[in-house]
Every structure is written in structure tokens, then in C-alpha cells.
Amino acid sequence: MKKACLEKDISELGLNEKVRKILEQKNLNQIKDIWNLKRQDLKKLGLNDSEIHQIIVKLQLFGIDLNKKIY
């Protein structure tokens, strides 16, 4: 079940519009695209700490985390 969520669009995460637009501009359109990244990679995209934290929390609600972790 959890691996199936990786194929979903990032809009499923419910991120705020600014964060979603930044990710989409970098062609990060599926959850798996974000799941493969590290916190430092997200900082390089121009996201601040609170925006990165938002992504981490939303991923955790799906039972996954940055750095390819599945719970």
C-alpha cells in the first residue's frame, strides 16, 4: 500500500500552494520525486525550514519520510 502512494501526484500531500509551485517548477511532480531527496536538497531548491518541515510532516502522514524511508 505505501509504495503505491509514491506514484501519486504531489497535490495529494496537501502542501501549501507556494511549496507545491516550487516543487513543480523543478519537475518534482510525484511523491516519489520528493521521497528521494534529502533536507539539504530541498534547501537548494529554495525552500525554507518551515516549508521543509511541512513536507516532512505531510510525507509522514503517508507513512514515508525523506531519504527513502517507509514506515
N, C-alpha and C. Protein backbone atom coordinates (compact mmCIF):
# COMPACT_ATOMS: atom_id res chain seq x y z
N MET A 1 0.83 -1.20 0.00
CA MET A 1 0.00 0.00 0.00
C MET A 1 0.87 1.25 0.00
N LYS A 2 1.89 1.29 0.85
CA LYS A 2 2.68 2.51 0.99
C LYS A 2 3.48 2.81 -0.28
N LYS A 3 3.98 1.78 -0.95
CA LYS A 3 4.72 2.04 -2.18
C LYS A 3 3.80 2.59 -3.26
N ALA A 4 2.53 2.25 -3.22
CA ALA A 4 1.57 2.78 -4.20
C ALA A 4 1.42 4.28 -4.04
N CYS A 5 1.54 4.79 -2.84
CA CYS A 5 1.39 6.24 -2.64
C CYS A 5 2.54 7.01 -3.27
N LEU A 6 3.66 6.36 -3.52
CA LEU A 6 4.81 7.04 -4.12
C LEU A 6 4.51 7.50 -5.55
N GLU A 7 3.58 6.82 -6.21
CA GLU A 7 3.23 7.16 -7.60
C GLU A 7 2.22 8.30 -7.68
N LYS A 8 1.68 8.73 -6.56
CA LYS A 8 0.66 9.78 -6.55
C LYS A 8 1.28 11.15 -6.82
N ASP A 9 0.44 12.05 -7.29
CA ASP A 9 0.83 13.42 -7.55
C ASP A 9 1.09 14.15 -6.23
N ILE A 10 2.01 15.10 -6.25
CA ILE A 10 2.33 15.82 -5.01
C ILE A 10 1.14 16.60 -4.47
N SER A 11 0.16 16.87 -5.31
CA SER A 11 -1.03 17.59 -4.83
C SER A 11 -1.77 16.79 -3.76
N GLU A 12 -1.58 15.47 -3.75
CA GLU A 12 -2.20 14.59 -2.74
C GLU A 12 -1.67 14.89 -1.33
N LEU A 13 -0.49 15.47 -1.24
CA LEU A 13 0.10 15.77 0.06
C LEU A 13 -0.59 16.92 0.77
N GLY A 14 -1.23 17.80 0.02
CA GLY A 14 -1.90 18.94 0.63
C GLY A 14 -0.93 20.03 1.08
N LEU A 15 0.14 20.19 0.34
CA LEU A 15 1.11 21.24 0.65
C LEU A 15 0.53 22.60 0.29
N ASN A 16 1.06 23.65 0.91
CA ASN A 16 0.56 24.97 0.53
C ASN A 16 1.00 25.28 -0.90
N GLU A 17 0.31 26.22 -1.51
CA GLU A 17 0.48 26.49 -2.94
C GLU A 17 1.90 26.92 -3.30
N LYS A 18 2.51 27.74 -2.46
CA LYS A 18 3.87 28.22 -2.74
C LYS A 18 4.86 27.05 -2.81
N VAL A 19 4.78 26.15 -1.84
CA VAL A 19 5.68 24.99 -1.80
C VAL A 19 5.43 24.10 -3.02
N ARG A 20 4.17 23.85 -3.31
CA ARG A 20 3.81 22.98 -4.44
C ARG A 20 4.34 23.57 -5.75
N LYS A 21 4.21 24.87 -5.92
CA LYS A 21 4.69 25.52 -7.15
C LYS A 21 6.21 25.41 -7.29
N ILE A 22 6.92 25.61 -6.19
CA ILE A 22 8.39 25.49 -6.23
C ILE A 22 8.78 24.07 -6.66
N LEU A 23 8.12 23.08 -6.08
CA LEU A 23 8.43 21.69 -6.42
C LEU A 23 8.09 21.39 -7.88
N GLU A 24 6.94 21.86 -8.33
CA GLU A 24 6.53 21.59 -9.71
C GLU A 24 7.44 22.29 -10.71
N GLN A 25 7.95 23.47 -10.38
CA GLN A 25 8.88 24.17 -11.27
C GLN A 25 10.17 23.38 -11.46
N LYS A 26 10.50 22.57 -10.48
CA LYS A 26 11.71 21.74 -10.54
C LYS A 26 11.40 20.33 -11.06
N ASN A 27 10.20 20.17 -11.65
CA ASN A 27 9.73 18.88 -12.19
C ASN A 27 9.65 17.78 -11.14
N LEU A 28 9.31 18.15 -9.92
CA LEU A 28 9.07 17.19 -8.85
C LEU A 28 7.56 17.06 -8.73
N ASN A 29 6.99 16.17 -9.54
CA ASN A 29 5.55 16.09 -9.66
C ASN A 29 4.92 14.92 -8.91
N GLN A 30 5.70 13.90 -8.60
CA GLN A 30 5.17 12.75 -7.88
C GLN A 30 5.80 12.68 -6.50
N ILE A 31 5.09 12.04 -5.58
CA ILE A 31 5.58 11.92 -4.21
C ILE A 31 6.95 11.25 -4.19
N LYS A 32 7.17 10.27 -5.06
CA LYS A 32 8.47 9.59 -5.07
C LYS A 32 9.61 10.53 -5.42
N ASP A 33 9.33 11.59 -6.19
CA ASP A 33 10.37 12.55 -6.54
C ASP A 33 10.89 13.29 -5.30
N ILE A 34 9.99 13.57 -4.37
CA ILE A 34 10.37 14.25 -3.13
C ILE A 34 10.98 13.25 -2.16
N TRP A 35 10.41 12.07 -2.12
CA TRP A 35 10.84 10.99 -1.21
C TRP A 35 12.32 10.67 -1.41
N ASN A 36 12.84 10.85 -2.61
CA ASN A 36 14.24 10.55 -2.91
C ASN A 36 15.20 11.62 -2.43
N LEU A 37 14.67 12.76 -2.02
CA LEU A 37 15.51 13.90 -1.66
C LEU A 37 15.90 13.90 -0.18
N LYS A 38 16.91 14.69 0.11
CA LYS A 38 17.32 14.95 1.50
C LYS A 38 16.93 16.37 1.84
N ARG A 39 16.93 16.68 3.11
CA ARG A 39 16.60 18.03 3.58
C ARG A 39 17.47 19.08 2.87
N GLN A 40 18.75 18.78 2.73
CA GLN A 40 19.67 19.73 2.10
C GLN A 40 19.31 19.96 0.62
N ASP A 41 18.82 18.91 -0.06
CA ASP A 41 18.39 19.06 -1.45
C ASP A 41 17.22 20.03 -1.54
N LEU A 42 16.30 19.93 -0.59
CA LEU A 42 15.14 20.83 -0.58
C LEU A 42 15.57 22.27 -0.31
N LYS A 43 16.57 22.45 0.54
CA LYS A 43 17.09 23.81 0.81
C LYS A 43 17.67 24.42 -0.47
N LYS A 44 18.36 23.59 -1.26
CA LYS A 44 18.95 24.06 -2.51
C LYS A 44 17.88 24.48 -3.51
N LEU A 45 16.67 23.94 -3.38
CA LEU A 45 15.57 24.32 -4.26
C LEU A 45 14.98 25.67 -3.88
N GLY A 46 15.39 26.20 -2.71
CA GLY A 46 14.91 27.50 -2.27
C GLY A 46 13.83 27.43 -1.21
N LEU A 47 13.62 26.25 -0.64
CA LEU A 47 12.62 26.10 0.42
C LEU A 47 13.24 26.46 1.77
N ASN A 48 12.46 27.11 2.64
CA ASN A 48 12.98 27.44 3.97
C ASN A 48 12.66 26.31 4.94
N ASP A 49 13.14 26.43 6.17
CA ASP A 49 12.99 25.36 7.16
C ASP A 49 11.53 25.00 7.44
N SER A 50 10.67 26.01 7.56
CA SER A 50 9.26 25.71 7.86
C SER A 50 8.58 25.02 6.68
N GLU A 51 8.96 25.37 5.47
CA GLU A 51 8.40 24.71 4.29
C GLU A 51 8.88 23.27 4.19
N ILE A 52 10.14 23.05 4.51
CA ILE A 52 10.69 21.69 4.51
C ILE A 52 10.01 20.86 5.59
N HIS A 53 9.80 21.47 6.74
CA HIS A 53 9.11 20.78 7.83
C HIS A 53 7.69 20.39 7.41
N GLN A 54 7.03 21.26 6.69
CA GLN A 54 5.68 20.97 6.19
C GLN A 54 5.71 19.73 5.29
N ILE A 55 6.71 19.65 4.40
CA ILE A 55 6.84 18.49 3.51
C ILE A 55 7.08 17.23 4.32
N ILE A 56 7.96 17.31 5.31
CA ILE A 56 8.28 16.15 6.14
C ILE A 56 7.04 15.64 6.86
N VAL A 57 6.26 16.54 7.44
CA VAL A 57 5.05 16.15 8.17
C VAL A 57 4.04 15.51 7.22
N LYS A 58 3.85 16.10 6.06
CA LYS A 58 2.88 15.57 5.10
C LYS A 58 3.30 14.19 4.60
N LEU A 59 4.60 14.00 4.39
CA LEU A 59 5.08 12.67 3.98
C LEU A 59 4.86 11.65 5.09
N GLN A 60 5.10 12.06 6.34
CA GLN A 60 4.91 11.15 7.46
C GLN A 60 3.47 10.72 7.60
N LEU A 61 2.54 11.57 7.22
CA LEU A 61 1.12 11.20 7.25
C LEU A 61 0.83 10.08 6.25
N PHE A 62 1.65 9.97 5.23
CA PHE A 62 1.54 8.87 4.26
C PHE A 62 2.36 7.66 4.70
N GLY A 63 3.07 7.78 5.83
CA GLY A 63 3.88 6.67 6.34
C GLY A 63 5.25 6.57 5.68
N ILE A 64 5.70 7.67 5.10
CA ILE A 64 7.02 7.69 4.47
C ILE A 64 7.78 8.91 4.98
N ASP A 65 9.07 8.96 4.69
CA ASP A 65 9.90 10.07 5.13
C ASP A 65 10.96 10.35 4.08
N LEU A 66 11.64 11.46 4.20
CA LEU A 66 12.75 11.76 3.29
C LEU A 66 13.79 10.66 3.41
N ASN A 67 14.67 10.61 2.45
CA ASN A 67 15.77 9.63 2.42
C ASN A 67 15.28 8.19 2.22
N LYS A 68 14.16 8.05 1.52
CA LYS A 68 13.66 6.74 1.11
C LYS A 68 13.25 5.83 2.27
N LYS A 69 12.73 6.39 3.33
CA LYS A 69 12.26 5.58 4.46
C LYS A 69 10.76 5.33 4.33
N ILE A 70 10.38 4.08 4.59
CA ILE A 70 8.96 3.70 4.62
C ILE A 70 8.69 3.08 5.98
N TYR A 71 7.62 3.54 6.61
CA TYR A 71 7.28 3.03 7.95
C TYR A 71 6.16 2.01 7.87
